[in-house]
PDB file of N, CA and C in Angstrom:
ATOM      1  N   UNK A   1     -20.158 -66.245  34.840  1.00  0.00           N
ATOM      2  CA  UNK A   1     -21.153 -65.830  35.818  1.00  0.00           C
ATOM      3  C   UNK A   1     -20.998 -66.701  37.053  1.00  0.00           C
ATOM      4  N   UNK A   2     -20.966 -66.089  38.165  1.00  0.00           N
ATOM      5  CA  UNK A   2     -20.793 -66.813  39.411  1.00  0.00           C
ATOM      6  C   UNK A   2     -22.126 -67.255  39.997  1.00  0.00           C
ATOM      7  N   UNK A   3     -22.126 -68.461  40.520  1.00  0.00           N
ATOM      8  CA  UNK A   3     -23.286 -68.984  41.257  1.00  0.00           C
ATOM      9  C   UNK A   3     -24.591 -68.922  40.470  1.00  0.00           C
ATOM     10  N   UNK A   4     -24.523 -69.191  39.211  1.00  0.00           N
ATOM     11  CA  UNK A   4     -25.713 -69.197  38.372  1.00  0.00           C
ATOM     12  C   UNK A   4     -26.500 -70.474  38.633  1.00  0.00           C
ATOM     13  N   UNK A   5     -27.768 -70.346  38.917  1.00  0.00           N
ATOM     14  CA  UNK A   5     -28.632 -71.502  39.145  1.00  0.00           C
ATOM     15  C   UNK A   5     -29.150 -71.979  37.796  1.00  0.00           C
ATOM     16  N   UNK A   6     -28.759 -73.186  37.429  1.00  0.00           N
ATOM     17  CA  UNK A   6     -29.173 -73.765  36.150  1.00  0.00           C
ATOM     18  C   UNK A   6     -30.288 -74.767  36.388  1.00  0.00           C
ATOM     19  N   UNK A   7     -31.153 -74.969  35.408  1.00  0.00           N
ATOM     20  CA  UNK A   7     -32.272 -75.889  35.590  1.00  0.00           C
ATOM     21  C   UNK A   7     -31.799 -77.339  35.698  1.00  0.00           C
ATOM     22  N   UNK A   8     -32.522 -78.101  36.467  1.00  0.00           N
ATOM     23  CA  UNK A   8     -32.314 -79.547  36.529  1.00  0.00           C
ATOM     24  C   UNK A   8     -33.327 -80.143  35.555  1.00  0.00           C
ATOM     25  N   UNK A   9     -32.853 -80.553  34.427  1.00  0.00           N
ATOM     26  CA  UNK A   9     -33.732 -81.015  33.356  1.00  0.00           C
ATOM     27  C   UNK A   9     -34.150 -82.452  33.646  1.00  0.00           C
ATOM     28  N   UNK A  10     -35.461 -82.680  33.609  1.00  0.00           N
ATOM     29  CA  UNK A  10     -36.009 -84.004  33.926  1.00  0.00           C
ATOM     30  C   UNK A  10     -37.251 -84.240  33.080  1.00  0.00           C
ATOM     31  N   UNK A  11     -37.774 -85.434  33.148  1.00  0.00           N
ATOM     32  CA  UNK A  11     -38.870 -85.846  32.261  1.00  0.00           C
ATOM     33  C   UNK A  11     -40.188 -85.124  32.525  1.00  0.00           C
ATOM     34  N   UNK A  12     -40.327 -84.447  33.653  1.00  0.00           N
ATOM     35  CA  UNK A  12     -41.574 -83.748  33.966  1.00  0.00           C
ATOM     36  C   UNK A  12     -41.465 -82.246  33.702  1.00  0.00           C
ATOM     37  N   UNK A  13     -40.345 -81.809  33.096  1.00  0.00           N
ATOM     38  CA  UNK A  13     -40.138 -80.385  32.844  1.00  0.00           C
ATOM     39  C   UNK A  13     -40.073 -80.086  31.357  1.00  0.00           C
ATOM     40  N   UNK A  14     -39.555 -78.912  31.051  1.00  0.00           N
ATOM     41  CA  UNK A  14     -39.395 -78.496  29.664  1.00  0.00           C
ATOM     42  C   UNK A  14     -38.338 -79.364  28.986  1.00  0.00           C
ATOM     43  N   UNK A  15     -38.569 -79.717  27.747  1.00  0.00           N
ATOM     44  CA  UNK A  15     -37.637 -80.594  27.044  1.00  0.00           C
ATOM     45  C   UNK A  15     -36.286 -79.892  26.852  1.00  0.00           C
ATOM     46  N   UNK A  16     -35.211 -80.665  26.921  1.00  0.00           N
ATOM     47  CA  UNK A  16     -33.899 -80.060  26.711  1.00  0.00           C
ATOM     48  C   UNK A  16     -33.740 -79.489  25.305  1.00  0.00           C
ATOM     49  N   UNK A  17     -34.387 -80.111  24.321  1.00  0.00           N
ATOM     50  CA  UNK A  17     -34.324 -79.586  22.951  1.00  0.00           C
ATOM     51  C   UNK A  17     -34.921 -78.185  22.871  1.00  0.00           C
ATOM     52  N   UNK A  18     -36.075 -78.009  23.518  1.00  0.00           N
ATOM     53  CA  UNK A  18     -36.737 -76.703  23.509  1.00  0.00           C
ATOM     54  C   UNK A  18     -35.895 -75.667  24.254  1.00  0.00           C
ATOM     55  N   UNK A  19     -35.370 -76.042  25.421  1.00  0.00           N
ATOM     56  CA  UNK A  19     -34.532 -75.115  26.179  1.00  0.00           C
ATOM     57  C   UNK A  19     -33.296 -74.724  25.383  1.00  0.00           C
ATOM     58  N   UNK A  20     -32.660 -75.707  24.783  1.00  0.00           N
ATOM     59  CA  UNK A  20     -31.454 -75.430  24.003  1.00  0.00           C
ATOM     60  C   UNK A  20     -31.772 -74.463  22.865  1.00  0.00           C
ATOM     61  N   UNK A  21     -32.820 -74.770  22.111  1.00  0.00           N
ATOM     62  CA  UNK A  21     -33.196 -73.938  20.962  1.00  0.00           C
ATOM     63  C   UNK A  21     -33.500 -72.501  21.398  1.00  0.00           C
ATOM     64  N   UNK A  22     -34.289 -72.358  22.446  1.00  0.00           N
ATOM     65  CA  UNK A  22     -34.726 -71.031  22.870  1.00  0.00           C
ATOM     66  C   UNK A  22     -33.592 -70.214  23.497  1.00  0.00           C
ATOM     67  N   UNK A  23     -32.753 -70.864  24.304  1.00  0.00           N
ATOM     68  CA  UNK A  23     -31.627 -70.132  24.888  1.00  0.00           C
ATOM     69  C   UNK A  23     -30.588 -69.764  23.834  1.00  0.00           C
ATOM     70  N   UNK A  24     -30.385 -70.639  22.850  1.00  0.00           N
ATOM     71  CA  UNK A  24     -29.470 -70.289  21.759  1.00  0.00           C
ATOM     72  C   UNK A  24     -30.019 -69.100  20.970  1.00  0.00           C
ATOM     73  N   UNK A  25     -31.310 -69.091  20.715  1.00  0.00           N
ATOM     74  CA  UNK A  25     -31.923 -67.970  19.991  1.00  0.00           C
ATOM     75  C   UNK A  25     -31.780 -66.673  20.782  1.00  0.00           C
ATOM     76  N   UNK A  26     -31.986 -66.751  22.095  1.00  0.00           N
ATOM     77  CA  UNK A  26     -31.840 -65.563  22.940  1.00  0.00           C
ATOM     78  C   UNK A  26     -30.391 -65.086  22.955  1.00  0.00           C
ATOM     79  N   UNK A  27     -29.447 -66.024  23.035  1.00  0.00           N
ATOM     80  CA  UNK A  27     -28.035 -65.669  23.009  1.00  0.00           C
ATOM     81  C   UNK A  27     -27.679 -65.002  21.684  1.00  0.00           C
ATOM     82  N   UNK A  28     -28.155 -65.559  20.583  1.00  0.00           N
ATOM     83  CA  UNK A  28     -27.892 -64.968  19.271  1.00  0.00           C
ATOM     84  C   UNK A  28     -28.472 -63.556  19.181  1.00  0.00           C
ATOM     85  N   UNK A  29     -29.641 -63.349  19.782  1.00  0.00           N
ATOM     86  CA  UNK A  29     -30.258 -62.020  19.768  1.00  0.00           C
ATOM     87  C   UNK A  29     -29.424 -61.023  20.578  1.00  0.00           C
ATOM     88  N   UNK A  30     -28.883 -61.456  21.701  1.00  0.00           N
ATOM     89  CA  UNK A  30     -28.009 -60.580  22.494  1.00  0.00           C
ATOM     90  C   UNK A  30     -26.775 -60.194  21.693  1.00  0.00           C
ATOM     91  N   UNK A  31     -26.185 -61.168  21.036  1.00  0.00           N
ATOM     92  CA  UNK A  31     -24.995 -60.895  20.227  1.00  0.00           C
ATOM     93  C   UNK A  31     -25.325 -59.999  19.039  1.00  0.00           C
ATOM     94  N   UNK A  32     -26.493 -60.179  18.463  1.00  0.00           N
ATOM     95  CA  UNK A  32     -26.920 -59.313  17.356  1.00  0.00           C
ATOM     96  C   UNK A  32     -27.140 -57.885  17.849  1.00  0.00           C
ATOM     97  N   UNK A  33     -27.672 -57.752  19.053  1.00  0.00           N
ATOM     98  CA  UNK A  33     -27.879 -56.420  19.624  1.00  0.00           C
ATOM     99  C   UNK A  33     -26.545 -55.709  19.831  1.00  0.00           C
ATOM    100  N   UNK A  34     -25.534 -56.443  20.278  1.00  0.00           N
ATOM    101  CA  UNK A  34     -24.199 -55.860  20.429  1.00  0.00           C
ATOM    102  C   UNK A  34     -23.694 -55.357  19.084  1.00  0.00           C
ATOM    103  N   UNK A  35     -23.813 -56.174  18.056  1.00  0.00           N
ATOM    104  CA  UNK A  35     -23.348 -55.770  16.723  1.00  0.00           C
ATOM    105  C   UNK A  35     -24.112 -54.553  16.213  1.00  0.00           C
ATOM    106  N   UNK A  36     -25.410 -54.531  16.463  1.00  0.00           N
ATOM    107  CA  UNK A  36     -26.220 -53.400  16.018  1.00  0.00           C
ATOM    108  C   UNK A  36     -25.806 -52.114  16.731  1.00  0.00           C
ATOM    109  N   UNK A  37     -25.557 -52.204  18.036  1.00  0.00           N
ATOM    110  CA  UNK A  37     -25.130 -51.015  18.776  1.00  0.00           C
ATOM    111  C   UNK A  37     -23.727 -50.572  18.371  1.00  0.00           C
ATOM    112  N   UNK A  38     -22.866 -51.530  18.074  1.00  0.00           N
ATOM    113  CA  UNK A  38     -21.524 -51.178  17.608  1.00  0.00           C
ATOM    114  C   UNK A  38     -21.575 -50.413  16.292  1.00  0.00           C
ATOM    115  N   UNK A  39     -22.591 -50.672  15.497  1.00  0.00           N
ATOM    116  CA  UNK A  39     -22.726 -50.018  14.200  1.00  0.00           C
ATOM    117  C   UNK A  39     -23.263 -48.585  14.307  1.00  0.00           C
ATOM    118  N   UNK A  40     -23.813 -48.232  15.460  1.00  0.00           N
ATOM    119  CA  UNK A  40     -24.357 -46.885  15.654  1.00  0.00           C
ATOM    120  C   UNK A  40     -23.201 -45.898  15.808  1.00  0.00           C
ATOM    121  N   UNK A  41     -23.249 -44.819  15.063  1.00  0.00           N
ATOM    122  CA  UNK A  41     -22.219 -43.777  15.176  1.00  0.00           C
ATOM    123  C   UNK A  41     -22.227 -43.230  16.603  1.00  0.00           C
ATOM    124  N   UNK A  42     -21.076 -43.251  17.229  1.00  0.00           N
ATOM    125  CA  UNK A  42     -20.944 -42.768  18.613  1.00  0.00           C
ATOM    126  C   UNK A  42     -19.730 -41.861  18.642  1.00  0.00           C
ATOM    127  N   UNK A  43     -19.988 -40.540  18.729  1.00  0.00           N
ATOM    128  CA  UNK A  43     -18.924 -39.570  18.573  1.00  0.00           C
ATOM    129  C   UNK A  43     -19.099 -38.424  19.558  1.00  0.00           C
ATOM    130  N   UNK A  44     -17.990 -37.934  20.063  1.00  0.00           N
ATOM    131  CA  UNK A  44     -18.012 -36.836  21.037  1.00  0.00           C
ATOM    132  C   UNK A  44     -18.694 -35.592  20.492  1.00  0.00           C
ATOM    133  N   UNK A  45     -18.686 -35.398  19.164  1.00  0.00           N
ATOM    134  CA  UNK A  45     -19.291 -34.196  18.585  1.00  0.00           C
ATOM    135  C   UNK A  45     -20.794 -34.112  18.864  1.00  0.00           C
ATOM    136  N   UNK A  46     -21.405 -35.247  19.201  1.00  0.00           N
ATOM    137  CA  UNK A  46     -22.832 -35.254  19.494  1.00  0.00           C
ATOM    138  C   UNK A  46     -23.127 -34.946  20.964  1.00  0.00           C
ATOM    139  N   UNK A  47     -22.093 -34.762  21.759  1.00  0.00           N
ATOM    140  CA  UNK A  47     -22.270 -34.568  23.203  1.00  0.00           C
ATOM    141  C   UNK A  47     -21.598 -33.311  23.744  1.00  0.00           C
ATOM    142  N   UNK A  48     -20.618 -32.759  23.046  1.00  0.00           N
ATOM    143  CA  UNK A  48     -19.829 -31.679  23.633  1.00  0.00           C
ATOM    144  C   UNK A  48     -20.644 -30.443  23.985  1.00  0.00           C
ATOM    145  N   UNK A  49     -21.735 -30.205  23.268  1.00  0.00           N
ATOM    146  CA  UNK A  49     -22.546 -29.015  23.566  1.00  0.00           C
ATOM    147  C   UNK A  49     -23.290 -29.140  24.891  1.00  0.00           C
ATOM    148  N   UNK A  50     -23.396 -30.356  25.412  1.00  0.00           N
ATOM    149  CA  UNK A  50     -24.078 -30.575  26.696  1.00  0.00           C
ATOM    150  C   UNK A  50     -23.177 -30.137  27.848  1.00  0.00           C
ATOM    151  N   UNK A  51     -21.886 -30.373  27.702  1.00  0.00           N
ATOM    152  CA  UNK A  51     -20.943 -30.006  28.752  1.00  0.00           C
ATOM    153  C   UNK A  51     -19.675 -30.816  28.618  1.00  0.00           C
ATOM    154  N   UNK A  52     -18.644 -30.434  29.370  1.00  0.00           N
ATOM    155  CA  UNK A  52     -17.329 -31.063  29.205  1.00  0.00           C
ATOM    156  C   UNK A  52     -17.269 -32.538  29.609  1.00  0.00           C
ATOM    157  N   UNK A  53     -18.145 -32.982  30.464  1.00  0.00           N
ATOM    158  CA  UNK A  53     -18.124 -34.378  30.917  1.00  0.00           C
ATOM    159  C   UNK A  53     -19.206 -35.245  30.276  1.00  0.00           C
ATOM    160  N   UNK A  54     -19.968 -34.671  29.384  1.00  0.00           N
ATOM    161  CA  UNK A  54     -21.109 -35.391  28.820  1.00  0.00           C
ATOM    162  C   UNK A  54     -20.682 -36.631  28.031  1.00  0.00           C
ATOM    163  N   UNK A  55     -19.642 -36.509  27.209  1.00  0.00           N
ATOM    164  CA  UNK A  55     -19.244 -37.663  26.405  1.00  0.00           C
ATOM    165  C   UNK A  55     -18.686 -38.776  27.280  1.00  0.00           C
ATOM    166  N   UNK A  56     -17.925 -38.435  28.296  1.00  0.00           N
ATOM    167  CA  UNK A  56     -17.397 -39.452  29.213  1.00  0.00           C
ATOM    168  C   UNK A  56     -18.548 -40.189  29.900  1.00  0.00           C
ATOM    169  N   UNK A  57     -19.570 -39.464  30.300  1.00  0.00           N
ATOM    170  CA  UNK A  57     -20.744 -40.095  30.932  1.00  0.00           C
ATOM    171  C   UNK A  57     -21.482 -40.974  29.933  1.00  0.00           C
ATOM    172  N   UNK A  58     -21.636 -40.476  28.727  1.00  0.00           N
ATOM    173  CA  UNK A  58     -22.309 -41.265  27.688  1.00  0.00           C
ATOM    174  C   UNK A  58     -21.511 -42.524  27.368  1.00  0.00           C
ATOM    175  N   UNK A  59     -20.192 -42.407  27.339  1.00  0.00           N
ATOM    176  CA  UNK A  59     -19.333 -43.560  27.079  1.00  0.00           C
ATOM    177  C   UNK A  59     -19.482 -44.596  28.207  1.00  0.00           C
ATOM    178  N   UNK A  60     -19.565 -44.132  29.452  1.00  0.00           N
ATOM    179  CA  UNK A  60     -19.799 -45.046  30.580  1.00  0.00           C
ATOM    180  C   UNK A  60     -21.155 -45.722  30.481  1.00  0.00           C
ATOM    181  N   UNK A  61     -22.173 -44.961  30.101  1.00  0.00           N
ATOM    182  CA  UNK A  61     -23.511 -45.540  29.915  1.00  0.00           C
ATOM    183  C   UNK A  61     -23.478 -46.626  28.849  1.00  0.00           C
ATOM    184  N   UNK A  62     -22.789 -46.341  27.763  1.00  0.00           N
ATOM    185  CA  UNK A  62     -22.699 -47.290  26.645  1.00  0.00           C
ATOM    186  C   UNK A  62     -21.961 -48.559  27.081  1.00  0.00           C
ATOM    187  N   UNK A  63     -20.881 -48.403  27.824  1.00  0.00           N
ATOM    188  CA  UNK A  63     -20.134 -49.567  28.324  1.00  0.00           C
ATOM    189  C   UNK A  63     -21.013 -50.418  29.234  1.00  0.00           C
ATOM    190  N   UNK A  64     -21.820 -49.771  30.060  1.00  0.00           N
ATOM    191  CA  UNK A  64     -22.733 -50.489  30.953  1.00  0.00           C
ATOM    192  C   UNK A  64     -23.716 -51.338  30.149  1.00  0.00           C
ATOM    193  N   UNK A  65     -24.235 -50.784  29.081  1.00  0.00           N
ATOM    194  CA  UNK A  65     -25.183 -51.515  28.232  1.00  0.00           C
ATOM    195  C   UNK A  65     -24.499 -52.694  27.556  1.00  0.00           C
ATOM    196  N   UNK A  66     -23.290 -52.479  27.031  1.00  0.00           N
ATOM    197  CA  UNK A  66     -22.560 -53.581  26.404  1.00  0.00           C
ATOM    198  C   UNK A  66     -22.255 -54.690  27.412  1.00  0.00           C
ATOM    199  N   UNK A  67     -21.877 -54.325  28.629  1.00  0.00           N
ATOM    200  CA  UNK A  67     -21.611 -55.323  29.668  1.00  0.00           C
ATOM    201  C   UNK A  67     -22.878 -56.113  29.994  1.00  0.00           C
ATOM    202  N   UNK A  68     -24.013 -55.430  30.045  1.00  0.00           N
ATOM    203  CA  UNK A  68     -25.279 -56.106  30.319  1.00  0.00           C
ATOM    204  C   UNK A  68     -25.642 -57.095  29.220  1.00  0.00           C
ATOM    205  N   UNK A  69     -25.468 -56.688  27.988  1.00  0.00           N
ATOM    206  CA  UNK A  69     -25.758 -57.595  26.870  1.00  0.00           C
ATOM    207  C   UNK A  69     -24.814 -58.794  26.877  1.00  0.00           C
ATOM    208  N   UNK A  70     -23.566 -58.554  27.208  1.00  0.00           N
ATOM    209  CA  UNK A  70     -22.606 -59.651  27.298  1.00  0.00           C
ATOM    210  C   UNK A  70     -22.979 -60.609  28.424  1.00  0.00           C
ATOM    211  N   UNK A  71     -23.383 -60.069  29.554  1.00  0.00           N
ATOM    212  CA  UNK A  71     -23.818 -60.912  30.676  1.00  0.00           C
ATOM    213  C   UNK A  71     -25.064 -61.713  30.312  1.00  0.00           C
ATOM    214  N   UNK A  72     -25.991 -61.090  29.598  1.00  0.00           N
ATOM    215  CA  UNK A  72     -27.203 -61.798  29.177  1.00  0.00           C
ATOM    216  C   UNK A  72     -26.848 -62.934  28.213  1.00  0.00           C
ATOM    217  N   UNK A  73     -25.918 -62.680  27.302  1.00  0.00           N
ATOM    218  CA  UNK A  73     -25.494 -63.735  26.377  1.00  0.00           C
ATOM    219  C   UNK A  73     -24.824 -64.877  27.131  1.00  0.00           C
ATOM    220  N   UNK A  74     -23.998 -64.553  28.133  1.00  0.00           N
ATOM    221  CA  UNK A  74     -23.347 -65.589  28.946  1.00  0.00           C
ATOM    222  C   UNK A  74     -24.374 -66.422  29.710  1.00  0.00           C
ATOM    223  N   UNK A  75     -25.398 -65.756  30.232  1.00  0.00           N
ATOM    224  CA  UNK A  75     -26.483 -66.436  30.942  1.00  0.00           C
ATOM    225  C   UNK A  75     -27.172 -67.433  30.012  1.00  0.00           C
ATOM    226  N   UNK A  76     -27.481 -66.992  28.820  1.00  0.00           N
ATOM    227  CA  UNK A  76     -28.152 -67.859  27.849  1.00  0.00           C
ATOM    228  C   UNK A  76     -27.256 -69.017  27.436  1.00  0.00           C
ATOM    229  N   UNK A  77     -25.975 -68.748  27.239  1.00  0.00           N
ATOM    230  CA  UNK A  77     -25.039 -69.793  26.862  1.00  0.00           C
ATOM    231  C   UNK A  77     -24.954 -70.863  27.947  1.00  0.00           C
ATOM    232  N   UNK A  78     -24.879 -70.459  29.207  1.00  0.00           N
ATOM    233  CA  UNK A  78     -24.809 -71.431  30.300  1.00  0.00           C
ATOM    234  C   UNK A  78     -26.042 -72.322  30.320  1.00  0.00           C
ATOM    235  N   UNK A  79     -27.204 -71.737  30.095  1.00  0.00           N
ATOM    236  CA  UNK A  79     -28.436 -72.520  30.069  1.00  0.00           C
ATOM    237  C   UNK A  79     -28.485 -73.449  28.848  1.00  0.00           C
ATOM    238  N   UNK A  80     -28.039 -72.948  27.711  1.00  0.00           N
ATOM    239  CA  UNK A  80     -28.016 -73.782  26.509  1.00  0.00           C
ATOM    240  C   UNK A  80     -27.062 -74.961  26.691  1.00  0.00           C
ATOM    241  N   UNK A  81     -25.929 -74.723  27.317  1.00  0.00           N
ATOM    242  CA  UNK A  81     -24.967 -75.800  27.553  1.00  0.00           C
ATOM    243  C   UNK A  81     -25.528 -76.837  28.524  1.00  0.00           C
ATOM    244  N   UNK A  82     -26.281 -76.379  29.517  1.00  0.00           N
ATOM    245  CA  UNK A  82     -26.927 -77.308  30.456  1.00  0.00           C
ATOM    246  C   UNK A  82     -27.939 -78.186  29.714  1.00  0.00           C
ATOM    247  N   UNK A  83     -28.715 -77.572  28.837  1.00  0.00           N
ATOM    248  CA  UNK A  83     -29.686 -78.333  28.054  1.00  0.00           C
ATOM    249  C   UNK A  83     -28.977 -79.305  27.116  1.00  0.00           C
ATOM    250  N   UNK A  84     -27.884 -78.851  26.510  1.00  0.00           N
ATOM    251  CA  UNK A  84     -27.138 -79.711  25.597  1.00  0.00           C
ATOM    252  C   UNK A  84     -26.543 -80.919  26.338  1.00  0.00           C
ATOM    253  N   UNK A  85     -26.073 -80.700  27.549  1.00  0.00           N
ATOM    254  CA  UNK A  85     -25.535 -81.797  28.357  1.00  0.00           C
ATOM    255  C   UNK A  85     -26.633 -82.826  28.624  1.00  0.00           C
ATOM    256  N   UNK A  86     -27.837 -82.361  28.902  1.00  0.00           N
ATOM    257  CA  UNK A  86     -28.961 -83.259  29.130  1.00  0.00           C
ATOM    258  C   UNK A  86     -29.318 -84.032  27.861  1.00  0.00           C
ATOM    259  N   UNK A  87     -29.251 -83.348  26.713  1.00  0.00           N
ATOM    260  CA  UNK A  87     -29.560 -84.011  25.447  1.00  0.00           C
ATOM    261  C   UNK A  87     -28.579 -85.157  25.185  1.00  0.00           C
ATOM    262  N   UNK A  88     -27.331 -84.953  25.531  1.00  0.00           N
ATOM    263  CA  UNK A  88     -26.307 -85.993  25.334  1.00  0.00           C
ATOM    264  C   UNK A  88     -26.502 -87.165  26.303  1.00  0.00           C
ATOM    265  N   UNK A  89     -27.127 -86.883  27.440  1.00  0.00           N
ATOM    266  CA  UNK A  89     -27.376 -87.914  28.457  1.00  0.00           C
ATOM    267  C   UNK A  89     -28.747 -88.556  28.330  1.00  0.00           C
ATOM    268  N   UNK A  90     -29.404 -88.367  27.229  1.00  0.00           N
ATOM    269  CA  UNK A  90     -30.691 -89.005  27.010  1.00  0.00           C
ATOM    270  C   UNK A  90     -31.890 -88.248  27.554  1.00  0.00           C
ATOM    271  N   UNK A  91     -31.713 -86.994  27.939  1.00  0.00           N
ATOM    272  CA  UNK A  91     -32.855 -86.187  28.336  1.00  0.00           C
ATOM    273  C   UNK A  91     -32.887 -85.764  29.777  1.00  0.00           C
ATOM    274  N   UNK A  92     -32.352 -86.541  30.684  1.00  0.00           N
ATOM    275  CA  UNK A  92     -32.353 -86.161  32.093  1.00  0.00           C
ATOM    276  C   UNK A  92     -30.926 -85.867  32.552  1.00  0.00           C
ATOM    277  N   UNK A  93     -30.831 -85.041  33.563  1.00  0.00           N
ATOM    278  CA  UNK A  93     -29.523 -84.793  34.182  1.00  0.00           C
ATOM    279  C   UNK A  93     -29.480 -85.442  35.537  1.00  0.00           C
TER     280      UNK A  93
END
């Protein structure tokens, strides 16, 4: 992710342990959502009656959703890594 603004963790803000835990949980949920969607049957036979381009459009929609979930997981990972760096430095960055 380009130009992502990460928190400056300090003693007057949210603890790095809490940020790390919560962002890791959110990242895991994004990854679980990807796995759950991958498990859903996705077949042209469910779209062909709509029209000749329906499955291609549905496939594009699905790719967009997967890209969004991947971006959300990357966002959470970057924040978790920032919190982890603070934890290694004694709490402040």
